[in-house]
Amino acid sequence: MREFRSDDAAPSLALVGDERVARWLSFDNRDLEAATAMIEGAAARAKTEPRNEYYLAVTLPGDELIGFARLGLDGVKAAKLGYAILADQWGHGYATDAARILTDFGFRELGLHRISAAIGPDNAASVAVAERLGMQYEGHIRDHVFTNGAWRDSQLYAVLSSEWPPASISR
């Protein structure tokens, strides 16, 4: 994982412009202009002090962008976790790895107490990632996000610093 760069805008379009991926995100599908604004915004926010967001590119060893992971600081010693991986890279454990790295960073380096993730009820793969991280189901949030023209519910999962690291993290 690494910070976003301006040349990540076009490759990120394969992620945020793909309906298979975007249907699970908390924002609408994006075109190149919107993807560019997203990347530029993430790069600008990475320079703010104090930093309140870690929005990072997920890459393969050759630096090919295959996704993103985000830890947004929210409240007192709390953060929200999000992640997305290119559809043709699903099933390789990249989302679990990225989420684990950011969760570990949040607890060990930032001193967070709680990290949560709001996941669409039908997104079984993302629920599995949350459970691999040791997150606990906390409840159902009705009409939580408005995306792609419709309201969507979310399931809330969270892990506390006292529960980290989980006994085992498997793929």
N, C-alpha and C. Protein backbone atom coordinates (compact mmCIF):
# COMPACT_ATOMS: atom_id res chain seq x y z
N MET A 1 0.85 -1.17 0.00
CA MET A 1 0.00 0.00 0.00
C MET A 1 0.89 1.23 0.00
N ARG A 2 0.36 2.29 -0.59
CA ARG A 2 1.11 3.54 -0.68
C ARG A 2 0.14 4.71 -0.81
N GLU A 3 0.66 5.91 -0.68
CA GLU A 3 -0.15 7.11 -0.89
C GLU A 3 -0.56 7.19 -2.36
N PHE A 4 -1.71 7.81 -2.61
CA PHE A 4 -2.14 8.04 -3.98
C PHE A 4 -1.26 9.08 -4.65
N ARG A 5 -1.09 8.94 -5.97
CA ARG A 5 -0.36 9.90 -6.81
C ARG A 5 -1.30 10.36 -7.91
N SER A 6 -0.97 11.48 -8.53
CA SER A 6 -1.83 12.02 -9.59
C SER A 6 -1.99 11.05 -10.76
N ASP A 7 -0.99 10.22 -11.03
CA ASP A 7 -1.10 9.27 -12.14
C ASP A 7 -1.97 8.06 -11.80
N ASP A 8 -2.58 8.03 -10.61
CA ASP A 8 -3.48 6.95 -10.23
C ASP A 8 -4.92 7.19 -10.69
N ALA A 9 -5.22 8.36 -11.22
CA ALA A 9 -6.60 8.68 -11.60
C ALA A 9 -7.14 7.73 -12.66
N ALA A 10 -6.43 7.55 -13.75
CA ALA A 10 -6.92 6.66 -14.82
C ALA A 10 -7.04 5.21 -14.34
N PRO A 11 -6.02 4.65 -13.67
CA PRO A 11 -6.19 3.27 -13.20
C PRO A 11 -7.31 3.12 -12.16
N SER A 12 -7.56 4.16 -11.38
CA SER A 12 -8.63 4.06 -10.37
C SER A 12 -10.01 4.00 -11.02
N LEU A 13 -10.13 4.49 -12.25
CA LEU A 13 -11.40 4.44 -12.96
C LEU A 13 -11.85 3.00 -13.17
N ALA A 14 -10.90 2.08 -13.36
CA ALA A 14 -11.25 0.66 -13.52
C ALA A 14 -11.92 0.13 -12.26
N LEU A 15 -11.70 0.78 -11.16
CA LEU A 15 -12.28 0.39 -9.87
C LEU A 15 -13.61 1.10 -9.63
N VAL A 16 -13.59 2.42 -9.59
CA VAL A 16 -14.79 3.19 -9.22
C VAL A 16 -15.76 3.37 -10.37
N GLY A 17 -15.35 3.02 -11.59
CA GLY A 17 -16.25 3.07 -12.73
C GLY A 17 -16.86 1.73 -13.07
N ASP A 18 -16.46 0.68 -12.36
CA ASP A 18 -16.93 -0.68 -12.62
C ASP A 18 -18.14 -0.96 -11.73
N GLU A 19 -19.28 -1.22 -12.34
CA GLU A 19 -20.51 -1.47 -11.60
C GLU A 19 -20.37 -2.64 -10.63
N ARG A 20 -19.57 -3.66 -10.97
CA ARG A 20 -19.41 -4.81 -10.08
C ARG A 20 -18.79 -4.38 -8.75
N VAL A 21 -17.92 -3.38 -8.79
CA VAL A 21 -17.27 -2.88 -7.58
C VAL A 21 -18.10 -1.77 -6.95
N ALA A 22 -18.49 -0.81 -7.77
CA ALA A 22 -19.16 0.39 -7.26
C ALA A 22 -20.49 0.09 -6.59
N ARG A 23 -21.13 -1.02 -6.92
CA ARG A 23 -22.42 -1.33 -6.29
C ARG A 23 -22.27 -1.51 -4.79
N TRP A 24 -21.06 -1.80 -4.31
CA TRP A 24 -20.82 -2.02 -2.89
C TRP A 24 -20.29 -0.78 -2.18
N LEU A 25 -19.93 0.26 -2.95
CA LEU A 25 -19.32 1.45 -2.35
C LEU A 25 -20.39 2.41 -1.83
N SER A 26 -19.96 3.38 -1.04
CA SER A 26 -20.90 4.34 -0.45
C SER A 26 -21.03 5.59 -1.31
N PHE A 27 -20.57 5.52 -2.56
CA PHE A 27 -20.71 6.64 -3.48
C PHE A 27 -21.06 6.10 -4.87
N ASP A 28 -21.57 6.98 -5.73
CA ASP A 28 -21.99 6.59 -7.08
C ASP A 28 -20.80 6.18 -7.94
N ASN A 29 -21.10 5.44 -9.01
CA ASN A 29 -20.08 5.14 -10.02
C ASN A 29 -19.46 6.46 -10.45
N ARG A 30 -18.20 6.42 -10.82
CA ARG A 30 -17.51 7.65 -11.19
C ARG A 30 -16.96 7.56 -12.60
N ASP A 31 -16.93 8.72 -13.27
CA ASP A 31 -16.28 8.83 -14.56
C ASP A 31 -14.84 9.31 -14.34
N LEU A 32 -14.08 9.51 -15.42
CA LEU A 32 -12.67 9.89 -15.27
C LEU A 32 -12.51 11.21 -14.53
N GLU A 33 -13.37 12.17 -14.81
CA GLU A 33 -13.29 13.46 -14.13
C GLU A 33 -13.49 13.30 -12.61
N ALA A 34 -14.49 12.52 -12.23
CA ALA A 34 -14.77 12.30 -10.82
C ALA A 34 -13.68 11.45 -10.17
N ALA A 35 -13.15 10.47 -10.90
CA ALA A 35 -12.05 9.65 -10.36
C ALA A 35 -10.81 10.51 -10.14
N THR A 36 -10.54 11.44 -11.06
CA THR A 36 -9.41 12.35 -10.91
C THR A 36 -9.59 13.22 -9.68
N ALA A 37 -10.78 13.76 -9.49
CA ALA A 37 -11.06 14.59 -8.31
C ALA A 37 -10.90 13.78 -7.03
N MET A 38 -11.34 12.51 -7.06
CA MET A 38 -11.20 11.64 -5.89
C MET A 38 -9.73 11.45 -5.52
N ILE A 39 -8.90 11.17 -6.51
CA ILE A 39 -7.47 10.94 -6.27
C ILE A 39 -6.79 12.22 -5.82
N GLU A 40 -7.08 13.32 -6.48
CA GLU A 40 -6.48 14.60 -6.09
C GLU A 40 -6.89 14.98 -4.67
N GLY A 41 -8.15 14.74 -4.32
CA GLY A 41 -8.62 15.02 -2.97
C GLY A 41 -7.91 14.17 -1.93
N ALA A 42 -7.75 12.89 -2.22
CA ALA A 42 -7.05 11.99 -1.28
C ALA A 42 -5.61 12.43 -1.09
N ALA A 43 -4.95 12.82 -2.18
CA ALA A 43 -3.56 13.26 -2.09
C ALA A 43 -3.45 14.57 -1.29
N ALA A 44 -4.39 15.48 -1.48
CA ALA A 44 -4.38 16.73 -0.72
C ALA A 44 -4.65 16.49 0.76
N ARG A 45 -5.62 15.63 1.08
CA ARG A 45 -5.94 15.36 2.48
C ARG A 45 -4.81 14.64 3.20
N ALA A 46 -3.99 13.92 2.46
CA ALA A 46 -2.85 13.22 3.07
C ALA A 46 -1.82 14.20 3.61
N LYS A 47 -1.87 15.43 3.16
CA LYS A 47 -0.90 16.45 3.59
C LYS A 47 -1.42 17.33 4.72
N THR A 48 -2.66 17.13 5.13
CA THR A 48 -3.23 17.98 6.18
C THR A 48 -2.66 17.59 7.54
N GLU A 49 -2.56 18.58 8.41
CA GLU A 49 -2.10 18.36 9.78
C GLU A 49 -3.13 18.97 10.72
N PRO A 50 -3.65 18.25 11.66
CA PRO A 50 -3.41 16.82 11.85
C PRO A 50 -4.15 16.03 10.78
N ARG A 51 -3.60 14.92 10.44
CA ARG A 51 -4.19 14.07 9.41
C ARG A 51 -5.42 13.35 9.98
N ASN A 52 -6.52 13.38 9.22
CA ASN A 52 -7.74 12.72 9.71
C ASN A 52 -8.21 11.61 8.78
N GLU A 53 -7.38 11.27 7.80
CA GLU A 53 -7.73 10.21 6.85
C GLU A 53 -6.47 9.58 6.29
N TYR A 54 -6.51 8.27 6.20
CA TYR A 54 -5.46 7.50 5.53
C TYR A 54 -6.15 6.76 4.40
N TYR A 55 -6.11 7.35 3.21
CA TYR A 55 -6.76 6.81 2.02
C TYR A 55 -5.63 6.38 1.10
N LEU A 56 -5.40 5.09 1.02
CA LEU A 56 -4.20 4.57 0.37
C LEU A 56 -4.51 3.68 -0.82
N ALA A 57 -3.59 3.68 -1.77
CA ALA A 57 -3.68 2.80 -2.94
C ALA A 57 -3.22 1.41 -2.54
N VAL A 58 -3.95 0.39 -2.98
CA VAL A 58 -3.54 -1.00 -2.81
C VAL A 58 -2.92 -1.42 -4.14
N THR A 59 -1.69 -1.88 -4.10
CA THR A 59 -0.98 -2.21 -5.33
C THR A 59 -0.38 -3.60 -5.27
N LEU A 60 -0.14 -4.14 -6.46
CA LEU A 60 0.60 -5.39 -6.59
C LEU A 60 2.09 -5.06 -6.52
N PRO A 61 2.98 -6.05 -6.39
CA PRO A 61 4.41 -5.77 -6.28
C PRO A 61 4.99 -4.89 -7.40
N GLY A 62 4.46 -4.95 -8.61
CA GLY A 62 4.95 -4.10 -9.69
C GLY A 62 4.36 -2.70 -9.68
N ASP A 63 3.66 -2.31 -8.61
CA ASP A 63 3.02 -1.01 -8.41
C ASP A 63 1.74 -0.83 -9.21
N GLU A 64 1.14 -1.92 -9.69
CA GLU A 64 -0.14 -1.84 -10.38
C GLU A 64 -1.25 -1.61 -9.36
N LEU A 65 -2.01 -0.53 -9.55
CA LEU A 65 -3.10 -0.20 -8.63
C LEU A 65 -4.24 -1.19 -8.82
N ILE A 66 -4.62 -1.86 -7.73
CA ILE A 66 -5.72 -2.82 -7.80
C ILE A 66 -6.84 -2.48 -6.81
N GLY A 67 -6.69 -1.42 -6.06
CA GLY A 67 -7.74 -1.08 -5.11
C GLY A 67 -7.36 0.07 -4.21
N PHE A 68 -8.18 0.26 -3.19
CA PHE A 68 -7.88 1.26 -2.18
C PHE A 68 -8.36 0.78 -0.83
N ALA A 69 -7.80 1.37 0.20
CA ALA A 69 -8.23 1.13 1.57
C ALA A 69 -8.22 2.49 2.27
N ARG A 70 -9.19 2.67 3.15
CA ARG A 70 -9.33 3.97 3.82
C ARG A 70 -9.61 3.78 5.29
N LEU A 71 -8.92 4.55 6.08
CA LEU A 71 -9.19 4.64 7.51
C LEU A 71 -9.49 6.11 7.79
N GLY A 72 -10.75 6.43 8.02
CA GLY A 72 -11.17 7.80 8.28
C GLY A 72 -11.38 7.99 9.77
N LEU A 73 -10.59 8.88 10.36
CA LEU A 73 -10.71 9.13 11.79
C LEU A 73 -12.04 9.81 12.06
N ASP A 74 -12.75 9.31 13.08
CA ASP A 74 -14.13 9.70 13.30
C ASP A 74 -14.42 9.67 14.79
N GLY A 75 -14.50 10.82 15.42
CA GLY A 75 -14.80 10.85 16.84
C GLY A 75 -13.54 10.71 17.68
N VAL A 76 -13.74 10.37 18.94
CA VAL A 76 -12.64 10.26 19.88
C VAL A 76 -12.02 8.86 19.77
N LYS A 77 -10.78 8.80 19.29
CA LYS A 77 -10.03 7.54 19.17
C LYS A 77 -10.81 6.47 18.41
N ALA A 78 -11.53 6.91 17.36
CA ALA A 78 -12.32 5.99 16.55
C ALA A 78 -12.08 6.26 15.08
N ALA A 79 -12.32 5.24 14.25
CA ALA A 79 -12.16 5.40 12.81
C ALA A 79 -13.12 4.48 12.08
N LYS A 80 -13.38 4.85 10.82
CA LYS A 80 -14.19 4.02 9.93
C LYS A 80 -13.27 3.44 8.87
N LEU A 81 -13.43 2.15 8.63
CA LEU A 81 -12.62 1.42 7.68
C LEU A 81 -13.41 1.16 6.41
N GLY A 82 -12.75 1.32 5.26
CA GLY A 82 -13.36 0.99 3.98
C GLY A 82 -12.30 0.44 3.05
N TYR A 83 -12.71 -0.33 2.05
CA TYR A 83 -11.77 -0.93 1.12
C TYR A 83 -12.51 -1.36 -0.13
N ALA A 84 -11.80 -1.42 -1.24
CA ALA A 84 -12.34 -1.92 -2.50
C ALA A 84 -11.19 -2.45 -3.33
N ILE A 85 -11.46 -3.53 -4.04
CA ILE A 85 -10.46 -4.19 -4.88
C ILE A 85 -11.08 -4.41 -6.26
N LEU A 86 -10.27 -4.31 -7.32
CA LEU A 86 -10.74 -4.58 -8.68
C LEU A 86 -11.43 -5.95 -8.74
N ALA A 87 -12.53 -6.01 -9.46
CA ALA A 87 -13.32 -7.25 -9.53
C ALA A 87 -12.49 -8.44 -10.01
N ASP A 88 -11.58 -8.21 -10.97
CA ASP A 88 -10.80 -9.34 -11.47
C ASP A 88 -9.70 -9.78 -10.51
N GLN A 89 -9.58 -9.10 -9.37
CA GLN A 89 -8.60 -9.47 -8.33
C GLN A 89 -9.29 -10.00 -7.07
N TRP A 90 -10.61 -10.13 -7.10
CA TRP A 90 -11.33 -10.64 -5.93
C TRP A 90 -10.91 -12.08 -5.66
N GLY A 91 -10.95 -12.45 -4.40
CA GLY A 91 -10.69 -13.83 -4.01
C GLY A 91 -9.23 -14.16 -3.73
N HIS A 92 -8.36 -13.15 -3.78
CA HIS A 92 -6.93 -13.38 -3.53
C HIS A 92 -6.47 -12.91 -2.16
N GLY A 93 -7.39 -12.38 -1.36
CA GLY A 93 -7.04 -11.92 -0.02
C GLY A 93 -6.52 -10.50 0.06
N TYR A 94 -6.56 -9.75 -1.05
CA TYR A 94 -6.02 -8.38 -1.04
C TYR A 94 -6.81 -7.45 -0.13
N ALA A 95 -8.14 -7.56 -0.11
CA ALA A 95 -8.94 -6.71 0.77
C ALA A 95 -8.65 -7.03 2.22
N THR A 96 -8.55 -8.32 2.54
CA THR A 96 -8.23 -8.72 3.92
C THR A 96 -6.87 -8.17 4.33
N ASP A 97 -5.88 -8.32 3.47
CA ASP A 97 -4.53 -7.83 3.78
C ASP A 97 -4.52 -6.32 4.00
N ALA A 98 -5.14 -5.59 3.09
CA ALA A 98 -5.17 -4.13 3.20
C ALA A 98 -5.91 -3.68 4.45
N ALA A 99 -7.06 -4.29 4.72
CA ALA A 99 -7.84 -3.94 5.91
C ALA A 99 -7.08 -4.28 7.18
N ARG A 100 -6.39 -5.40 7.19
CA ARG A 100 -5.60 -5.80 8.36
C ARG A 100 -4.47 -4.81 8.61
N ILE A 101 -3.77 -4.41 7.55
CA ILE A 101 -2.67 -3.45 7.69
C ILE A 101 -3.17 -2.12 8.26
N LEU A 102 -4.28 -1.61 7.72
CA LEU A 102 -4.80 -0.33 8.22
C LEU A 102 -5.35 -0.45 9.63
N THR A 103 -5.99 -1.56 9.94
CA THR A 103 -6.51 -1.75 11.29
C THR A 103 -5.36 -1.83 12.29
N ASP A 104 -4.34 -2.57 11.95
CA ASP A 104 -3.18 -2.68 12.83
C ASP A 104 -2.52 -1.31 13.02
N PHE A 105 -2.37 -0.56 11.93
CA PHE A 105 -1.81 0.79 11.99
C PHE A 105 -2.66 1.67 12.90
N GLY A 106 -3.99 1.58 12.76
CA GLY A 106 -4.88 2.40 13.57
C GLY A 106 -4.72 2.14 15.05
N PHE A 107 -4.62 0.87 15.43
CA PHE A 107 -4.48 0.55 16.84
C PHE A 107 -3.06 0.79 17.35
N ARG A 108 -2.07 0.31 16.63
CA ARG A 108 -0.69 0.37 17.13
C ARG A 108 -0.01 1.73 16.97
N GLU A 109 -0.28 2.41 15.86
CA GLU A 109 0.40 3.68 15.60
C GLU A 109 -0.44 4.90 15.97
N LEU A 110 -1.74 4.83 15.75
CA LEU A 110 -2.60 5.98 16.02
C LEU A 110 -3.25 5.92 17.40
N GLY A 111 -3.14 4.79 18.07
CA GLY A 111 -3.71 4.65 19.40
C GLY A 111 -5.23 4.68 19.44
N LEU A 112 -5.86 4.20 18.36
CA LEU A 112 -7.32 4.19 18.32
C LEU A 112 -7.89 3.18 19.31
N HIS A 113 -9.12 3.42 19.70
CA HIS A 113 -9.83 2.51 20.60
C HIS A 113 -10.81 1.62 19.84
N ARG A 114 -11.37 2.15 18.74
CA ARG A 114 -12.44 1.45 18.01
C ARG A 114 -12.31 1.71 16.51
N ILE A 115 -12.49 0.66 15.71
CA ILE A 115 -12.53 0.78 14.26
C ILE A 115 -13.78 0.05 13.78
N SER A 116 -14.58 0.75 12.97
CA SER A 116 -15.83 0.17 12.50
C SER A 116 -15.87 0.14 10.97
N ALA A 117 -16.78 -0.68 10.45
CA ALA A 117 -17.02 -0.77 9.02
C ALA A 117 -18.51 -0.93 8.80
N ALA A 118 -19.06 -0.13 7.89
CA ALA A 118 -20.46 -0.23 7.51
C ALA A 118 -20.51 -0.94 6.17
N ILE A 119 -21.19 -2.08 6.12
CA ILE A 119 -21.14 -2.97 4.96
C ILE A 119 -22.55 -3.24 4.47
N GLY A 120 -22.74 -3.21 3.16
CA GLY A 120 -24.04 -3.54 2.57
C GLY A 120 -24.44 -4.95 2.97
N PRO A 121 -25.71 -5.16 3.36
CA PRO A 121 -26.15 -6.47 3.87
C PRO A 121 -25.94 -7.63 2.90
N ASP A 122 -25.91 -7.37 1.61
CA ASP A 122 -25.73 -8.43 0.62
C ASP A 122 -24.27 -8.67 0.25
N ASN A 123 -23.35 -7.92 0.86
CA ASN A 123 -21.94 -8.03 0.49
C ASN A 123 -21.24 -9.07 1.38
N ALA A 124 -21.49 -10.33 1.08
CA ALA A 124 -20.96 -11.42 1.90
C ALA A 124 -19.43 -11.44 1.93
N ALA A 125 -18.79 -11.06 0.84
CA ALA A 125 -17.32 -11.07 0.81
C ALA A 125 -16.75 -10.04 1.78
N SER A 126 -17.37 -8.87 1.84
CA SER A 126 -16.88 -7.84 2.75
C SER A 126 -17.18 -8.20 4.21
N VAL A 127 -18.33 -8.80 4.45
CA VAL A 127 -18.64 -9.29 5.79
C VAL A 127 -17.58 -10.30 6.23
N ALA A 128 -17.16 -11.18 5.31
CA ALA A 128 -16.13 -12.16 5.62
C ALA A 128 -14.80 -11.49 5.97
N VAL A 129 -14.46 -10.40 5.26
CA VAL A 129 -13.24 -9.65 5.59
C VAL A 129 -13.34 -9.10 7.01
N ALA A 130 -14.46 -8.47 7.34
CA ALA A 130 -14.66 -7.90 8.68
C ALA A 130 -14.53 -8.98 9.75
N GLU A 131 -15.14 -10.12 9.50
CA GLU A 131 -15.07 -11.21 10.47
C GLU A 131 -13.66 -11.76 10.62
N ARG A 132 -12.90 -11.81 9.51
CA ARG A 132 -11.50 -12.25 9.59
C ARG A 132 -10.66 -11.31 10.45
N LEU A 133 -11.07 -10.04 10.49
CA LEU A 133 -10.35 -9.05 11.30
C LEU A 133 -10.76 -9.12 12.77
N GLY A 134 -11.71 -9.97 13.08
CA GLY A 134 -12.19 -10.06 14.45
C GLY A 134 -13.28 -9.06 14.77
N MET A 135 -13.82 -8.41 13.75
CA MET A 135 -14.91 -7.45 13.97
C MET A 135 -16.17 -8.20 14.39
N GLN A 136 -16.94 -7.54 15.23
CA GLN A 136 -18.19 -8.08 15.72
C GLN A 136 -19.36 -7.34 15.06
N TYR A 137 -20.41 -8.08 14.74
CA TYR A 137 -21.62 -7.47 14.21
C TYR A 137 -22.29 -6.67 15.32
N GLU A 138 -22.63 -5.42 15.03
CA GLU A 138 -23.24 -4.56 16.04
C GLU A 138 -24.66 -4.15 15.72
N GLY A 139 -25.07 -4.27 14.47
CA GLY A 139 -26.44 -3.91 14.17
C GLY A 139 -26.66 -3.54 12.72
N HIS A 140 -27.91 -3.25 12.42
CA HIS A 140 -28.38 -2.95 11.07
C HIS A 140 -28.78 -1.47 11.03
N ILE A 141 -28.27 -0.74 10.06
CA ILE A 141 -28.59 0.68 9.90
C ILE A 141 -29.47 0.82 8.66
N ARG A 142 -30.69 1.26 8.84
CA ARG A 142 -31.62 1.39 7.72
C ARG A 142 -31.35 2.65 6.92
N ASP A 143 -31.49 2.53 5.58
CA ASP A 143 -31.30 3.67 4.66
C ASP A 143 -30.06 4.49 5.05
N HIS A 144 -28.96 3.82 5.18
CA HIS A 144 -27.73 4.43 5.67
C HIS A 144 -27.01 5.27 4.62
N VAL A 145 -26.97 4.80 3.37
CA VAL A 145 -26.29 5.55 2.30
C VAL A 145 -27.20 5.66 1.08
N PHE A 146 -27.07 6.77 0.38
CA PHE A 146 -27.79 6.97 -0.87
C PHE A 146 -26.76 6.90 -1.98
N THR A 147 -26.84 5.87 -2.80
CA THR A 147 -25.85 5.67 -3.85
C THR A 147 -26.50 5.08 -5.09
N ASN A 148 -26.06 5.56 -6.22
CA ASN A 148 -26.57 5.08 -7.52
C ASN A 148 -28.10 5.11 -7.57
N GLY A 149 -28.68 6.17 -7.02
CA GLY A 149 -30.11 6.42 -7.14
C GLY A 149 -31.02 5.73 -6.15
N ALA A 150 -30.46 5.09 -5.13
CA ALA A 150 -31.31 4.38 -4.17
C ALA A 150 -30.69 4.40 -2.78
N TRP A 151 -31.54 4.30 -1.77
CA TRP A 151 -31.07 4.16 -0.40
C TRP A 151 -30.64 2.72 -0.18
N ARG A 152 -29.59 2.56 0.62
CA ARG A 152 -29.10 1.23 0.94
C ARG A 152 -28.86 1.11 2.43
N ASP A 153 -29.25 -0.02 2.97
CA ASP A 153 -28.98 -0.32 4.38
C ASP A 153 -27.51 -0.70 4.54
N SER A 154 -27.05 -0.70 5.78
CA SER A 154 -25.71 -1.17 6.10
C SER A 154 -25.77 -2.04 7.34
N GLN A 155 -24.83 -2.94 7.43
CA GLN A 155 -24.59 -3.69 8.66
C GLN A 155 -23.34 -3.11 9.28
N LEU A 156 -23.39 -2.87 10.57
CA LEU A 156 -22.25 -2.27 11.26
C LEU A 156 -21.43 -3.36 11.96
N TYR A 157 -20.13 -3.34 11.69
CA TYR A 157 -19.16 -4.23 12.34
C TYR A 157 -18.10 -3.37 12.99
N ALA A 158 -17.52 -3.85 14.10
CA ALA A 158 -16.46 -3.08 14.76
C ALA A 158 -15.56 -4.01 15.55
N VAL A 159 -14.34 -3.52 15.77
CA VAL A 159 -13.37 -4.20 16.62
C VAL A 159 -12.78 -3.15 17.54
N LEU A 160 -12.50 -3.54 18.78
CA LEU A 160 -11.92 -2.66 19.78
C LEU A 160 -10.43 -2.97 19.94
N SER A 161 -9.68 -2.00 20.41
CA SER A 161 -8.24 -2.20 20.59
C SER A 161 -7.95 -3.37 21.52
N SER A 162 -8.81 -3.58 22.52
CA SER A 162 -8.59 -4.69 23.46
C SER A 162 -8.81 -6.05 22.81
N GLU A 163 -9.44 -6.07 21.64
CA GLU A 163 -9.70 -7.32 20.92
C GLU A 163 -8.67 -7.57 19.81
N TRP A 164 -7.73 -6.65 19.64
CA TRP A 164 -6.75 -6.73 18.56
C TRP A 164 -5.41 -7.15 19.11
N PRO A 165 -4.63 -7.99 18.50
CA PRO A 165 -4.95 -8.63 17.23
C PRO A 165 -5.87 -9.81 17.45
N PRO A 166 -6.66 -10.14 16.42
CA PRO A 166 -7.52 -11.31 16.55
C PRO A 166 -6.67 -12.57 16.72
N ALA A 167 -7.27 -13.59 17.30
CA ALA A 167 -6.55 -14.84 17.56
C ALA A 167 -5.91 -15.39 16.29
N SER A 168 -6.62 -15.29 15.19
CA SER A 168 -6.03 -15.72 13.92
C SER A 168 -6.69 -14.94 12.79
N ILE A 169 -5.90 -14.65 11.80
CA ILE A 169 -6.43 -13.99 10.62
C ILE A 169 -6.19 -14.95 9.46
N SER A 170 -7.29 -15.40 8.88
CA SER A 170 -7.18 -16.34 7.76
C SER A 170 -7.85 -15.75 6.53
N ARG A 171 -7.53 -16.31 5.41
CA ARG A 171 -8.14 -15.83 4.17
C ARG A 171 -9.35 -16.61 3.84
